[in-house]
Structures are given as C-alpha cells and as structure tokens.
Amino acid sequence: MNFSIDSMITPNSKSLSELQNQLNLKNQNKNSFLQNSAVWHRNFNGDRADINNNTKEEYKDPLLRWPLRGLAFTNDIGAAIMDIAPTLGTMLWIPALMYFGADIYDKYKSDEKEYNPNKKRAFKQAVFQALASVVMPIIVVHNGQKAASLIGKSSKSGMSLQLKEEIEKFTINHLKRRKLKDYEGNINGFKTEFNEHLKQHLLDREKSFKTKNPLKLLSHWVFSSKHGEKMTDKMLKSIEEYTNKNIDEMFSIRTDLLNNKQPKELSGKLLKFYDNTKRNFAKDKNTIEGYVEDSIKALLKQRQRNRLFKIKLLKSLGGFIALGASIRFIDHFIEKHVIEKFVEPGLEKFEGGNWQKNVNFANFVKRGNSTQSGM
C-alpha cells in the first residue's frame, strides 16, 4: 500500500494550517484597518480644516458697527437741524469729534486685534472720517434740503419752501419796524408798502445767485442748502396773493383781540402765549403803546416764527431722508473708491519715495566716509 505524505492529514497538521489561515486573515484585516484609518484621518483633518476655515470669523471693527457707528453722524444731524435748533445743532458736534478721535487713535495703535502702532493707518482713517463722516454727509444733507424745498413748488401756492422761508423772515422783520395801529383803516396801504419792499428784497436775492465765478457756483451747488429762484411776473403775483392773505389774517387777529374775541386763526397754544404776554406787559410801566398793543405785536411775531419753524422743519426732514438713504453708500464709496484707489496708493508711493531718498542719503554718507578714510 502506498501512502503520500501530502495526503496524510493529521490533527496537528490540520491545526497548523487553520492557524496559518487565521493569522493571514488577521494581517489582512489589520492592513485594511490601517489603510482605512489613514484615509479617515486625512478626511477628518481635511474636514476639520474646512470647519476651522469656515468658522474663522472675519474681524469686524466695533467702531464701524451700528449703533456705535451712528456717533459719527451726530454732526450731520446737527447740520440738518441747525436752522430749527442752532444750539443743539452745534452741541451735536461734540460726540462726533470724540468718535473721530477714538477711531483714528484706535487705528493708529492696533492692526485689527494686534497692537501695532502705525501712522499711515491713522492718516488713512483720518481721511476716511473727514470724507465719510463730515464732508459727504453734509453735502447730502444740504442737497436733501434743497430737494425738499423744490418739491414744495408742487403745492397750491407754487412756491418753494425756501421762498416761503424768506417771506416769513421778511414779515417778522417788517413787524419789528412797523405798527399795525398806524395802518388802522388803511390795510391796503400796508399791503402796498409791504409788497414793494418784499419784491425788491427778493430781486436782490435773485441777483446774488447769478455769478460766473466757478468757485461760487460750485459752493452754491454742492455745499449750500440754498438754491436760486427766478422771480418771474407770475411768481411775483403768487407771492403777492400769499402775503396779502397773511396780512388780512394779522389785521383780523388784532381786531378780534382788541374786542376781546377769540380769533379763529389762532391755536390754543398761541392764545395762551398771548394771555401770558399780556399779563407780564401789564406789569411794565414803561410800555410805549400800551400793554395790549405790545402783546398783540409780540403774538403776531410769534405766529410768524411758528410758520417759519414748520417750513424749516420740512426742509430738515428732507435732509434727514437724504442722509438716511445714503449713509451706507457713502461709507462704501469712500472706502472702496477713494481710500483703496487713491489714498493707499498715494501713501505707498510717498513712503517709497522717502525710503529711496533715505537710501541715497545713506549711500552718500557712506561714500563720503570711505573717501575720508582713504585719504
């Protein structure tokens, strides 16, 4: 009987074979695990890097974020209300100037989150604040006021707010110099005199806007809240109708008050003003025309001031609307089109020129020292 060694299977040899197979399988699983771990590690690190890049927040300057950024425009609000509240308008420059100083110093001392003093950065921010927070907003406010004034021409009177403002101012000054008592029974005489003086005043004002000087034209167009108006015959007729109506109301108010009647043209607030004024004037022994006439005159001037205030308020509202609509545009325009395209390149060129001069000077001194040492 023939036996082959290969065909012989013993319990021990079978165990060795199975053990070898198990060992090989484990090695394969180990290699597969290591490969998968390496891939997972790379993917995880890549995902983590992407997460870090995505979650890394861009630096946002707290001084340029709202509402703190709004402090830079308090002076522009002051410019808008200067006509109706001059004291408050001037005081509103204080928080703006404090903000400008804080912002410029902040940009000088630090580069975003790191302490790194730099004069170039401070100068750039000073230019930005001067243009974006002072010059441009004031131009916008004044032109917004002009726009509001011109829109007033669409009213029934056909007159701009600016023209009405001039008429009210002239009326107040005229009341200071005239006594309605002297025109009692001659209202038409008062109207004729008033309208002649007003017409001349408006014609003189029209001439003041006519100029060929380019600087004055630019100043009127860009920086001024006033605009020119042509005094045509039609416009002068509308003005006369407007003023005659107001004069009739003033004389009617005077007549009612002298007869102890309540004028329908007066509000309760003005009536209270009249009563308080009359009470105070009654205590004054130095009244020239009598305290009643003085009180009526003071009342009529206050009435005109109230009319003037409403007109100025409408113009100021136009300035506010224009400013609010353009604030973000101004910041973007100055930063992207003025600072980045003109100021920064100019500073780099200036610094480069100074650096080249310093290098040339240093080389000159070095050559001079070498020449002296060689002598």
Protein backbone atom coordinates (compact mmCIF):
# COMPACT_ATOMS: atom_id res chain seq x y z
CA MET A 1 0.00 0.00 0.00
CA ASN A 2 1.41 3.32 -0.99
CA PHE A 3 0.99 6.43 1.11
CA SER A 4 1.64 10.05 0.10
CA ILE A 5 2.95 12.43 2.65
CA ASP A 6 0.83 15.23 1.15
CA SER A 7 -2.25 13.18 1.54
CA MET A 8 -1.59 12.48 5.13
CA ILE A 9 -3.68 14.68 7.36
CA THR A 10 -3.02 14.57 10.96
CA PRO A 11 -4.77 16.51 13.66
CA ASN A 12 -1.65 18.55 14.33
CA SER A 13 -1.02 19.45 10.71
CA LYS A 14 -4.65 20.50 10.27
CA SER A 15 -4.42 22.78 13.27
CA LEU A 16 -1.29 24.39 11.92
CA SER A 17 -2.94 25.04 8.58
CA GLU A 18 -6.02 26.64 10.16
CA LEU A 19 -3.81 28.72 12.42
CA GLN A 20 -1.85 29.99 9.45
CA ASN A 21 -5.05 30.92 7.65
CA GLN A 22 -6.38 32.77 10.69
CA LEU A 23 -3.07 34.60 11.06
CA ASN A 24 -3.15 35.68 7.43
CA LEU A 25 -6.73 36.83 7.78
CA LYS A 26 -5.83 38.90 10.83
CA ASN A 27 -2.92 40.53 8.98
CA GLN A 28 -5.22 41.39 6.11
CA ASN A 29 -7.79 42.88 8.48
CA LYS A 30 -5.04 44.83 10.23
CA ASN A 31 -3.70 46.26 6.99
CA SER A 32 -7.22 47.12 5.87
CA PHE A 33 -7.90 48.85 9.19
CA LEU A 34 -4.67 50.85 8.98
CA GLN A 35 -5.45 51.91 5.43
CA ASN A 36 -8.98 52.90 6.39
CA SER A 37 -7.66 54.74 9.43
CA ALA A 38 -5.22 56.70 7.31
CA VAL A 39 -7.97 57.68 4.86
CA TRP A 40 -10.30 58.60 7.71
CA HIS A 41 -7.54 60.61 9.36
CA ARG A 42 -6.88 62.54 6.18
CA ASN A 43 -10.57 63.15 5.61
CA PHE A 44 -11.12 64.15 9.21
CA ASN A 45 -8.20 66.57 9.18
CA GLY A 46 -9.41 68.00 5.91
CA ASP A 47 -12.94 68.40 7.24
CA ARG A 48 -11.59 69.91 10.43
CA ALA A 49 -9.51 72.36 8.42
CA ASP A 50 -12.57 73.27 6.37
CA ILE A 51 -14.57 73.71 9.55
CA ASN A 52 -11.84 75.93 11.02
CA ASN A 53 -11.69 77.98 7.85
CA ASN A 54 -15.45 78.31 7.72
CA THR A 55 -15.87 79.14 11.38
CA LYS A 56 -12.99 81.62 11.49
CA GLU A 57 -14.76 84.94 11.79
CA GLU A 58 -13.62 87.93 9.79
CA TYR A 59 -12.55 90.80 12.02
CA LYS A 60 -15.29 93.37 12.41
CA ASP A 61 -14.27 96.75 13.72
CA PRO A 62 -16.58 97.58 16.66
CA LEU A 63 -16.22 101.30 15.93
CA LEU A 64 -17.60 100.77 12.43
CA ARG A 65 -20.58 98.69 13.54
CA TRP A 66 -24.01 100.13 14.28
CA PRO A 67 -25.25 101.70 16.50
CA LEU A 68 -21.80 102.90 17.60
CA ARG A 69 -21.04 104.00 14.05
CA GLY A 70 -24.01 106.37 14.33
CA LEU A 71 -21.99 108.64 16.62
CA ALA A 72 -20.00 109.72 13.56
CA PHE A 73 -23.13 111.27 12.06
CA THR A 74 -24.32 113.33 15.03
CA ASN A 75 -22.63 116.37 13.49
CA ASP A 76 -24.56 115.77 10.26
CA ILE A 77 -27.80 115.57 12.23
CA GLY A 78 -26.71 118.87 13.77
CA ALA A 79 -26.29 120.32 10.28
CA ALA A 80 -29.80 119.15 9.38
CA ILE A 81 -31.43 120.78 12.40
CA MET A 82 -29.21 123.86 12.58
CA ASP A 83 -31.98 126.09 11.22
CA ILE A 84 -34.57 124.96 13.77
CA ALA A 85 -32.29 124.32 16.78
CA PRO A 86 -28.91 126.06 16.34
CA THR A 87 -27.67 125.42 19.90
CA LEU A 88 -28.44 121.70 19.76
CA GLY A 89 -27.03 121.51 16.24
CA THR A 90 -23.70 122.90 17.48
CA MET A 91 -23.60 120.64 20.54
CA LEU A 92 -24.08 117.54 18.38
CA TRP A 93 -20.56 118.07 17.04
CA ILE A 94 -19.16 117.03 20.45
CA PRO A 95 -19.97 113.27 20.29
CA ALA A 96 -18.91 113.20 16.63
CA LEU A 97 -15.50 114.74 17.36
CA MET A 98 -14.98 112.35 20.27
CA TYR A 99 -15.80 109.43 17.98
CA PHE A 100 -13.42 110.67 15.27
CA GLY A 101 -10.56 110.94 17.77
CA ALA A 102 -11.25 107.49 19.27
CA ASP A 103 -11.45 105.83 15.86
CA ILE A 104 -8.26 107.41 14.49
CA TYR A 105 -6.33 106.57 17.66
CA ASP A 106 -7.67 103.00 17.60
CA LYS A 107 -6.43 102.52 14.02
CA TYR A 108 -3.08 104.03 14.92
CA LYS A 109 -2.35 101.77 17.87
CA SER A 110 -3.63 98.42 16.58
CA ASP A 111 -3.91 96.40 13.40
CA GLU A 112 -7.27 94.78 13.95
CA LYS A 113 -6.62 92.63 17.06
CA GLU A 114 -2.86 93.15 17.44
CA TYR A 115 -1.02 96.07 18.99
CA ASN A 116 0.96 97.61 16.14
CA PRO A 117 1.21 101.44 16.04
CA ASN A 118 1.21 102.80 12.51
CA LYS A 119 0.95 106.46 11.40
CA LYS A 120 -0.03 105.53 7.87
CA ARG A 121 -3.06 103.63 9.11
CA ALA A 122 -4.07 106.55 11.35
CA PHE A 123 -3.76 109.05 8.47
CA LYS A 124 -5.84 106.81 6.21
CA GLN A 125 -8.58 106.60 8.85
CA ALA A 126 -8.49 110.37 9.38
CA VAL A 127 -9.08 110.87 5.66
CA PHE A 128 -11.91 108.33 5.75
CA GLN A 129 -13.65 110.04 8.68
CA ALA A 130 -13.20 113.52 7.18
CA LEU A 131 -14.83 112.45 3.92
CA ALA A 132 -17.31 109.77 5.02
CA SER A 133 -18.49 111.40 8.25
CA VAL A 134 -18.17 115.14 7.61
CA VAL A 135 -17.84 116.34 4.02
CA MET A 136 -20.03 113.89 2.10
CA PRO A 137 -22.89 113.68 4.65
CA ILE A 138 -23.11 117.47 4.94
CA ILE A 139 -23.26 117.73 1.15
CA VAL A 140 -26.04 115.11 1.14
CA VAL A 141 -27.98 116.89 3.93
CA HIS A 142 -27.85 120.28 2.23
CA ASN A 143 -28.87 118.87 -1.13
CA GLY A 144 -31.67 116.93 0.56
CA GLN A 145 -32.92 120.22 1.98
CA LYS A 146 -32.78 121.80 -1.46
CA ALA A 147 -34.71 118.87 -2.91
CA ALA A 148 -37.39 119.20 -0.23
CA SER A 149 -37.61 122.93 -0.94
CA LEU A 150 -38.10 122.38 -4.67
CA ILE A 151 -40.72 119.71 -4.03
CA GLY A 152 -42.67 122.45 -2.24
CA LYS A 153 -43.33 124.01 -5.66
CA SER A 154 -45.90 121.29 -6.24
CA SER A 155 -48.11 122.88 -3.56
CA LYS A 156 -51.11 125.07 -4.37
CA SER A 157 -49.08 128.27 -3.98
CA GLY A 158 -46.43 127.06 -6.46
CA MET A 159 -43.68 128.43 -4.20
CA SER A 160 -40.67 126.56 -2.88
CA LEU A 161 -40.13 126.11 0.84
CA GLN A 162 -37.10 128.38 0.59
CA LEU A 163 -39.17 131.20 -0.89
CA LYS A 164 -41.79 130.85 1.84
CA GLU A 165 -38.99 130.90 4.41
CA GLU A 166 -37.70 134.19 3.01
CA ILE A 167 -41.19 135.69 3.09
CA GLU A 168 -41.75 134.69 6.73
CA LYS A 169 -38.37 136.11 7.77
CA PHE A 170 -39.12 139.35 5.97
CA THR A 171 -42.57 139.55 7.63
CA ILE A 172 -41.05 139.17 11.12
CA ASN A 173 -38.53 141.93 10.45
CA HIS A 174 -41.23 144.15 8.97
CA LEU A 175 -43.40 143.74 12.07
CA LYS A 176 -40.48 144.80 14.23
CA ARG A 177 -40.27 148.13 12.37
CA ARG A 178 -43.97 148.81 11.78
CA LYS A 179 -47.02 149.33 13.98
CA LEU A 180 -50.30 147.88 12.78
CA LYS A 181 -52.01 150.64 14.76
CA ASP A 182 -50.65 153.20 12.29
CA TYR A 183 -52.43 151.41 9.40
CA GLU A 184 -55.78 151.04 11.09
CA GLY A 185 -58.40 151.63 8.39
CA ASN A 186 -55.66 151.51 5.69
CA ILE A 187 -54.85 147.85 5.27
CA ASN A 188 -54.31 148.28 1.53
CA GLY A 189 -51.62 150.88 2.26
CA PHE A 190 -49.82 148.37 4.49
CA LYS A 191 -50.07 145.72 1.74
CA THR A 192 -48.68 148.03 -0.92
CA GLU A 193 -45.74 149.10 1.21
CA PHE A 194 -45.02 145.55 2.35
CA ASN A 195 -45.14 144.02 -1.13
CA GLU A 196 -42.94 146.71 -2.68
CA HIS A 197 -40.21 146.17 -0.10
CA LEU A 198 -40.52 142.38 -0.33
CA LYS A 199 -40.32 142.44 -4.13
CA GLN A 200 -37.09 144.43 -4.04
CA HIS A 201 -35.67 142.12 -1.39
CA LEU A 202 -36.38 139.01 -3.47
CA LEU A 203 -35.00 140.57 -6.68
CA ASP A 204 -31.77 141.48 -4.86
CA ARG A 205 -31.56 137.96 -3.54
CA GLU A 206 -32.03 136.56 -7.04
CA LYS A 207 -29.08 138.62 -8.28
CA SER A 208 -26.85 137.26 -5.52
CA PHE A 209 -27.17 133.77 -7.05
CA LYS A 210 -26.20 134.99 -10.51
CA THR A 211 -22.45 134.64 -10.77
CA LYS A 212 -19.92 133.40 -13.31
CA ASN A 213 -17.34 132.62 -10.65
CA PRO A 214 -16.87 128.81 -10.85
CA LEU A 215 -15.93 128.56 -7.17
CA LYS A 216 -19.10 130.35 -6.09
CA LEU A 217 -21.19 128.23 -8.45
CA LEU A 218 -19.63 125.06 -7.03
CA SER A 219 -20.16 126.30 -3.48
CA HIS A 220 -23.84 127.07 -4.14
CA TRP A 221 -24.42 123.77 -5.93
CA VAL A 222 -22.56 121.42 -3.60
CA PHE A 223 -22.23 122.91 -0.11
CA SER A 224 -25.13 125.36 0.21
CA SER A 225 -28.66 124.47 1.30
CA LYS A 226 -29.95 127.45 -0.72
CA HIS A 227 -30.92 127.45 -4.38
CA GLY A 228 -31.53 130.19 -6.88
CA GLU A 229 -35.05 131.17 -7.96
CA LYS A 230 -36.20 133.26 -10.86
CA MET A 231 -38.68 135.97 -9.90
CA THR A 232 -41.00 135.94 -12.90
CA ASP A 233 -44.12 138.12 -13.09
CA LYS A 234 -46.24 135.05 -12.46
CA MET A 235 -44.23 134.15 -9.38
CA LEU A 236 -44.36 137.70 -8.03
CA LYS A 237 -48.15 137.68 -8.43
CA SER A 238 -48.38 134.40 -6.48
CA ILE A 239 -46.18 135.88 -3.76
CA GLU A 240 -48.42 138.95 -3.51
CA GLU A 241 -51.53 136.76 -3.13
CA TYR A 242 -49.77 134.74 -0.44
CA THR A 243 -48.66 137.80 1.55
CA ASN A 244 -51.98 139.65 1.20
CA LYS A 245 -53.82 136.69 2.68
CA ASN A 246 -51.43 136.64 5.63
CA ILE A 247 -51.75 140.40 6.16
CA ASP A 248 -55.56 140.14 6.21
CA GLU A 249 -55.28 137.43 8.86
CA MET A 250 -52.94 139.55 11.01
CA PHE A 251 -55.27 142.55 10.99
CA SER A 252 -58.27 140.28 11.67
CA ILE A 253 -56.48 138.77 14.69
CA ARG A 254 -55.66 142.24 16.00
CA THR A 255 -59.25 143.41 15.66
CA ASP A 256 -60.66 140.35 17.45
CA LEU A 257 -58.20 140.66 20.34
CA LEU A 258 -58.94 144.36 20.80
CA ASN A 259 -62.63 143.45 21.00
CA ASN A 260 -61.90 140.63 23.46
CA LYS A 261 -62.86 137.96 20.92
CA GLN A 262 -61.08 134.71 20.28
CA PRO A 263 -59.55 134.80 16.76
CA LYS A 264 -60.28 131.70 14.69
CA GLU A 265 -56.81 131.92 13.13
CA LEU A 266 -55.06 131.28 16.47
CA SER A 267 -54.36 127.95 18.13
CA GLY A 268 -54.91 127.37 21.85
CA LYS A 269 -51.15 127.44 22.38
CA LEU A 270 -50.84 130.89 20.82
CA LEU A 271 -53.78 132.16 22.82
CA LYS A 272 -52.06 131.01 25.98
CA PHE A 273 -48.89 132.77 24.82
CA TYR A 274 -50.90 135.98 24.30
CA ASP A 275 -52.51 135.81 27.75
CA ASN A 276 -49.16 135.27 29.48
CA THR A 277 -47.53 138.07 27.49
CA LYS A 278 -50.36 140.50 28.21
CA ARG A 279 -50.21 139.66 31.92
CA ASN A 280 -46.45 140.32 32.02
CA PHE A 281 -46.64 143.50 29.93
CA ALA A 282 -49.40 144.86 32.18
CA LYS A 283 -46.85 144.98 35.00
CA ASP A 284 -44.42 147.02 32.91
CA LYS A 285 -44.88 150.79 33.43
CA ASN A 286 -42.59 151.67 30.51
CA THR A 287 -44.75 150.31 27.68
CA ILE A 288 -44.96 152.83 24.86
CA GLU A 289 -48.13 151.83 23.03
CA GLY A 290 -49.90 150.21 25.92
CA TYR A 291 -49.53 146.64 27.00
CA VAL A 292 -52.40 145.37 24.82
CA GLU A 293 -50.85 146.65 21.55
CA ASP A 294 -47.43 145.39 22.63
CA SER A 295 -48.89 141.98 23.46
CA ILE A 296 -50.64 141.77 20.06
CA LYS A 297 -47.41 142.68 18.27
CA ALA A 298 -45.47 140.05 20.22
CA LEU A 299 -48.18 137.49 19.43
CA LEU A 300 -48.12 138.19 15.69
CA LYS A 301 -44.33 137.86 15.58
CA GLN A 302 -44.56 134.54 17.44
CA ARG A 303 -47.21 133.39 14.96
CA GLN A 304 -44.82 134.12 12.08
CA ARG A 305 -42.00 132.31 13.89
CA ASN A 306 -44.21 129.25 14.20
CA ARG A 307 -44.95 129.35 10.48
CA LEU A 308 -41.25 129.73 9.78
CA PHE A 309 -40.40 126.79 12.07
CA LYS A 310 -42.80 124.47 10.19
CA ILE A 311 -41.17 125.39 6.89
CA LYS A 312 -37.67 124.78 8.25
CA LEU A 313 -38.85 121.51 9.76
CA LEU A 314 -39.96 120.26 6.34
CA LYS A 315 -36.58 121.20 4.85
CA SER A 316 -34.78 119.46 7.71
CA LEU A 317 -36.89 116.36 7.11
CA GLY A 318 -35.67 116.33 3.53
CA GLY A 319 -32.08 116.44 4.79
CA PHE A 320 -32.74 113.56 7.22
CA ILE A 321 -34.26 111.38 4.50
CA ALA A 322 -31.35 112.02 2.14
CA LEU A 323 -28.81 111.26 4.87
CA GLY A 324 -30.53 108.06 5.98
CA ALA A 325 -30.77 106.78 2.41
CA SER A 326 -27.11 107.38 1.61
CA ILE A 327 -25.15 106.61 4.81
CA ARG A 328 -24.12 103.07 3.83
CA PHE A 329 -23.42 104.09 0.25
CA ILE A 330 -21.14 106.89 1.44
CA ASP A 331 -19.11 104.51 3.64
CA HIS A 332 -18.73 102.01 0.80
CA PHE A 333 -17.87 104.66 -1.79
CA ILE A 334 -15.22 106.36 0.32
CA GLU A 335 -13.63 103.05 1.42
CA LYS A 336 -13.61 101.29 -1.97
CA HIS A 337 -13.25 104.15 -4.44
CA VAL A 338 -11.33 106.82 -2.54
CA ILE A 339 -9.22 105.14 0.15
CA GLU A 340 -8.28 101.96 -1.71
CA LYS A 341 -7.82 103.55 -5.15
CA PHE A 342 -6.24 106.90 -4.26
CA VAL A 343 -5.20 107.30 -0.63
CA GLU A 344 -3.46 103.94 -0.08
CA PRO A 345 -1.52 104.01 -3.40
CA GLY A 346 -0.54 107.61 -2.67
CA LEU A 347 0.76 106.70 0.78
CA GLU A 348 2.73 103.76 -0.61
CA LYS A 349 4.24 105.96 -3.29
CA PHE A 350 5.08 108.63 -0.73
CA GLU A 351 6.69 106.10 1.60
CA GLY A 352 8.58 104.57 -1.31
CA GLY A 353 9.93 107.99 -2.29
CA ASN A 354 11.07 108.73 1.24
CA TRP A 355 12.70 105.29 1.50
CA GLN A 356 14.62 105.87 -1.73
CA LYS A 357 15.80 109.27 -0.50
CA ASN A 358 16.97 107.75 2.77
CA VAL A 359 18.86 105.02 0.92
CA ASN A 360 20.54 107.53 -1.39
CA PHE A 361 21.46 109.72 1.56
CA ALA A 362 22.89 106.76 3.46
CA ASN A 363 24.96 105.73 0.43
CA PHE A 364 26.19 109.29 0.04
CA VAL A 365 27.33 109.41 3.67
CA LYS A 366 28.94 106.01 3.34
CA ARG A 367 30.87 107.06 0.25
CA GLY A 368 31.97 110.24 1.99
CA ASN A 369 33.28 108.29 4.96
CA SER A 370 35.11 105.89 2.66
CA THR A 371 36.74 108.78 0.82
CA GLN A 372 37.89 110.39 4.05
CA SER A 373 39.31 107.13 5.38
CA GLY A 374 41.22 106.58 2.12
CA MET A 375 42.86 109.98 2.21
